[in-house]
Amino acid sequence: MSEITAEMAKALVAENERLFKLLERMVDQMLPLEEIEDLPGYSRVLTAEVLLAERDKLKAENESLRNDAERYRWLRANQFDALEIMEKFVGEQMEYVTDEELDDAIDAAIISPENP
């Protein structure tokens, strides 16, 4: 077995350091970053908790938008039923009807057994 010389040891240490720096750059490229407000050009690594919270927020927003789209499509396809809903609220002074009350009325009509 041959002995390791000082030059060989230095070369191995240098190669180890080079590979470690390469690995660090590769990992840095894979981590999601978020810009730091008020510090242009600087960013920080996003934690899994931050990413999961953002995902949950986007999922909730997506669900809300899907519900709104479903209501719109139902209103467009069921114009006469929509008019009946509106007439019900006109008797209750439409200006006092909340968005939630109107959404609830449309949702109830959508799941109604009489709905085609």
C-alpha atoms as a PDB file:
ATOM      1  CA  MET A   1       0.000   0.000   0.000  1.00  0.00           C
ATOM      2  CA  SER A   2       1.423   3.384  -0.941  1.00  0.00           C
ATOM      3  CA  GLU A   3       1.742   6.219   1.492  1.00  0.00           C
ATOM      4  CA  ILE A   4      -0.199   9.443   1.144  1.00  0.00           C
ATOM      5  CA  THR A   5       2.110  12.354   0.675  1.00  0.00           C
ATOM      6  CA  ALA A   6       1.488  15.887   1.938  1.00  0.00           C
ATOM      7  CA  GLU A   7       0.785  16.985  -1.626  1.00  0.00           C
ATOM      8  CA  MET A   8      -1.770  14.215  -2.080  1.00  0.00           C
ATOM      9  CA  ALA A   9      -3.459  15.166   1.199  1.00  0.00           C
ATOM     10  CA  LYS A  10      -3.601  18.835   0.162  1.00  0.00           C
ATOM     11  CA  ALA A  11      -5.026  17.834  -3.215  1.00  0.00           C
ATOM     12  CA  LEU A  12      -7.677  15.666  -1.535  1.00  0.00           C
ATOM     13  CA  VAL A  13      -8.607  18.468   0.883  1.00  0.00           C
ATOM     14  CA  ALA A  14      -8.837  20.918  -2.019  1.00  0.00           C
ATOM     15  CA  GLU A  15     -11.002  18.503  -4.014  1.00  0.00           C
ATOM     16  CA  ASN A  16     -13.208  17.942  -0.961  1.00  0.00           C
ATOM     17  CA  GLU A  17     -13.656  21.712  -0.525  1.00  0.00           C
ATOM     18  CA  ARG A  18     -14.413  22.144  -4.249  1.00  0.00           C
ATOM     19  CA  LEU A  19     -17.046  19.418  -4.167  1.00  0.00           C
ATOM     20  CA  PHE A  20     -18.570  20.832  -0.961  1.00  0.00           C
ATOM     21  CA  LYS A  21     -18.901  24.290  -2.554  1.00  0.00           C
ATOM     22  CA  LEU A  22     -20.445  22.723  -5.645  1.00  0.00           C
ATOM     23  CA  LEU A  23     -22.910  20.844  -3.469  1.00  0.00           C
ATOM     24  CA  GLU A  24     -23.797  24.041  -1.567  1.00  0.00           C
ATOM     25  CA  ARG A  25     -24.515  25.841  -4.853  1.00  0.00           C
ATOM     26  CA  MET A  26     -26.684  22.965  -6.036  1.00  0.00           C
ATOM     27  CA  VAL A  27     -28.668  22.938  -2.784  1.00  0.00           C
ATOM     28  CA  ASP A  28     -29.032  26.739  -2.861  1.00  0.00           C
ATOM     29  CA  GLN A  29     -30.491  26.501  -6.369  1.00  0.00           C
ATOM     30  CA  MET A  30     -33.076  23.972  -5.192  1.00  0.00           C
ATOM     31  CA  LEU A  31     -34.331  25.896  -2.159  1.00  0.00           C
ATOM     32  CA  PRO A  32     -37.291  28.216  -2.669  1.00  0.00           C
ATOM     33  CA  LEU A  33     -36.422  31.824  -1.914  1.00  0.00           C
ATOM     34  CA  GLU A  34     -38.494  34.812  -0.890  1.00  0.00           C
ATOM     35  CA  GLU A  35     -37.376  38.377  -1.396  1.00  0.00           C
ATOM     36  CA  ILE A  36     -36.913  40.334   1.817  1.00  0.00           C
ATOM     37  CA  GLU A  37     -39.077  43.432   1.853  1.00  0.00           C
ATOM     38  CA  ASP A  38     -37.101  46.686   1.991  1.00  0.00           C
ATOM     39  CA  LEU A  39     -33.867  44.863   1.114  1.00  0.00           C
ATOM     40  CA  PRO A  40     -33.707  44.636  -2.697  1.00  0.00           C
ATOM     41  CA  GLY A  41     -31.425  41.912  -3.932  1.00  0.00           C
ATOM     42  CA  TYR A  42     -31.612  39.936  -0.697  1.00  0.00           C
ATOM     43  CA  SER A  43     -33.699  36.846  -0.121  1.00  0.00           C
ATOM     44  CA  ARG A  44     -34.198  34.148   2.460  1.00  0.00           C
ATOM     45  CA  VAL A  45     -34.975  30.473   2.267  1.00  0.00           C
ATOM     46  CA  LEU A  46     -38.642  29.675   2.736  1.00  0.00           C
ATOM     47  CA  THR A  47     -39.398  27.113   5.398  1.00  0.00           C
ATOM     48  CA  ALA A  48     -41.745  24.209   4.845  1.00  0.00           C
ATOM     49  CA  GLU A  49     -44.239  25.810   7.243  1.00  0.00           C
ATOM     50  CA  VAL A  50     -44.320  29.021   5.187  1.00  0.00           C
ATOM     51  CA  LEU A  51     -44.773  27.066   1.962  1.00  0.00           C
ATOM     52  CA  LEU A  52     -47.543  24.915   3.457  1.00  0.00           C
ATOM     53  CA  ALA A  53     -49.353  27.990   4.803  1.00  0.00           C
ATOM     54  CA  GLU A  54     -49.157  29.651   1.383  1.00  0.00           C
ATOM     55  CA  ARG A  55     -50.428  26.454  -0.242  1.00  0.00           C
ATOM     56  CA  ASP A  56     -53.373  26.275   2.163  1.00  0.00           C
ATOM     57  CA  LYS A  57     -54.201  29.935   1.536  1.00  0.00           C
ATOM     58  CA  LEU A  58     -54.149  29.385  -2.237  1.00  0.00           C
ATOM     59  CA  LYS A  59     -56.285  26.239  -1.917  1.00  0.00           C
ATOM     60  CA  ALA A  60     -58.906  28.164   0.077  1.00  0.00           C
ATOM     61  CA  GLU A  61     -58.885  31.006  -2.447  1.00  0.00           C
ATOM     62  CA  ASN A  62     -59.189  28.497  -5.293  1.00  0.00           C
ATOM     63  CA  GLU A  63     -62.182  26.836  -3.606  1.00  0.00           C
ATOM     64  CA  SER A  64     -63.881  30.208  -3.140  1.00  0.00           C
ATOM     65  CA  LEU A  65     -63.323  31.095  -6.793  1.00  0.00           C
ATOM     66  CA  ARG A  66     -64.668  27.709  -7.895  1.00  0.00           C
ATOM     67  CA  ASN A  67     -67.821  28.276  -5.824  1.00  0.00           C
ATOM     68  CA  ASP A  68     -68.279  31.724  -7.373  1.00  0.00           C
ATOM     69  CA  ALA A  69     -67.795  30.267 -10.850  1.00  0.00           C
ATOM     70  CA  GLU A  70     -70.326  27.523 -10.127  1.00  0.00           C
ATOM     71  CA  ARG A  71     -72.875  30.115  -8.969  1.00  0.00           C
ATOM     72  CA  TYR A  72     -72.287  32.203 -12.082  1.00  0.00           C
ATOM     73  CA  ARG A  73     -72.696  29.200 -14.398  1.00  0.00           C
ATOM     74  CA  TRP A  74     -75.855  28.162 -12.569  1.00  0.00           C
ATOM     75  CA  LEU A  75     -77.301  31.686 -12.827  1.00  0.00           C
ATOM     76  CA  ARG A  76     -76.469  31.814 -16.534  1.00  0.00           C
ATOM     77  CA  ALA A  77     -78.017  28.391 -17.202  1.00  0.00           C
ATOM     78  CA  ASN A  78     -81.083  28.914 -14.959  1.00  0.00           C
ATOM     79  CA  GLN A  79     -82.118  32.470 -15.646  1.00  0.00           C
ATOM     80  CA  PHE A  80     -85.774  31.989 -14.641  1.00  0.00           C
ATOM     81  CA  ASP A  81     -84.814  30.415 -11.310  1.00  0.00           C
ATOM     82  CA  ALA A  82     -82.343  33.250 -10.797  1.00  0.00           C
ATOM     83  CA  LEU A  83     -85.133  35.769 -11.361  1.00  0.00           C
ATOM     84  CA  GLU A  84     -87.221  34.054  -8.683  1.00  0.00           C
ATOM     85  CA  ILE A  85     -84.345  34.336  -6.232  1.00  0.00           C
ATOM     86  CA  MET A  86     -83.900  38.007  -7.034  1.00  0.00           C
ATOM     87  CA  GLU A  87     -87.663  38.666  -6.699  1.00  0.00           C
ATOM     88  CA  LYS A  88     -87.592  37.109  -3.231  1.00  0.00           C
ATOM     89  CA  PHE A  89     -84.910  39.575  -2.182  1.00  0.00           C
ATOM     90  CA  VAL A  90     -86.487  42.567  -3.889  1.00  0.00           C
ATOM     91  CA  GLY A  91     -89.389  42.158  -1.488  1.00  0.00           C
ATOM     92  CA  GLU A  92     -86.830  42.364   1.340  1.00  0.00           C
ATOM     93  CA  GLN A  93     -85.251  45.538  -0.004  1.00  0.00           C
ATOM     94  CA  MET A  94     -82.288  44.321  -2.007  1.00  0.00           C
ATOM     95  CA  GLU A  95     -79.958  46.996  -0.640  1.00  0.00           C
ATOM     96  CA  TYR A  96     -79.929  45.219   2.748  1.00  0.00           C
ATOM     97  CA  VAL A  97     -79.178  41.760   1.387  1.00  0.00           C
ATOM     98  CA  THR A  98     -75.618  40.698   2.117  1.00  0.00           C
ATOM     99  CA  ASP A  99     -73.406  38.926  -0.384  1.00  0.00           C
ATOM    100  CA  GLU A 100     -73.451  35.877   1.876  1.00  0.00           C
ATOM    101  CA  GLU A 101     -77.271  35.794   1.945  1.00  0.00           C
ATOM    102  CA  LEU A 102     -77.415  35.943  -1.830  1.00  0.00           C
ATOM    103  CA  ASP A 103     -74.719  33.263  -2.151  1.00  0.00           C
ATOM    104  CA  ASP A 104     -76.625  31.050   0.303  1.00  0.00           C
ATOM    105  CA  ALA A 105     -79.853  31.471  -1.676  1.00  0.00           C
ATOM    106  CA  ILE A 106     -78.123  30.563  -4.940  1.00  0.00           C
ATOM    107  CA  ASP A 107     -76.366  27.594  -3.292  1.00  0.00           C
ATOM    108  CA  ALA A 108     -79.698  26.354  -1.933  1.00  0.00           C
ATOM    109  CA  ALA A 109     -81.252  26.616  -5.397  1.00  0.00           C
ATOM    110  CA  ILE A 110     -78.320  24.728  -6.929  1.00  0.00           C
ATOM    111  CA  ILE A 111     -78.758  21.737  -4.586  1.00  0.00           C
ATOM    112  CA  SER A 112     -82.559  21.872  -4.686  1.00  0.00           C
ATOM    113  CA  PRO A 113     -84.189  18.656  -5.942  1.00  0.00           C
ATOM    114  CA  GLU A 114     -86.213  20.759  -8.387  1.00  0.00           C
ATOM    115  CA  ASN A 115     -82.983  21.992  -9.982  1.00  0.00           C
ATOM    116  CA  PRO A 116     -82.645  20.364 -13.430  1.00  0.00           C
END
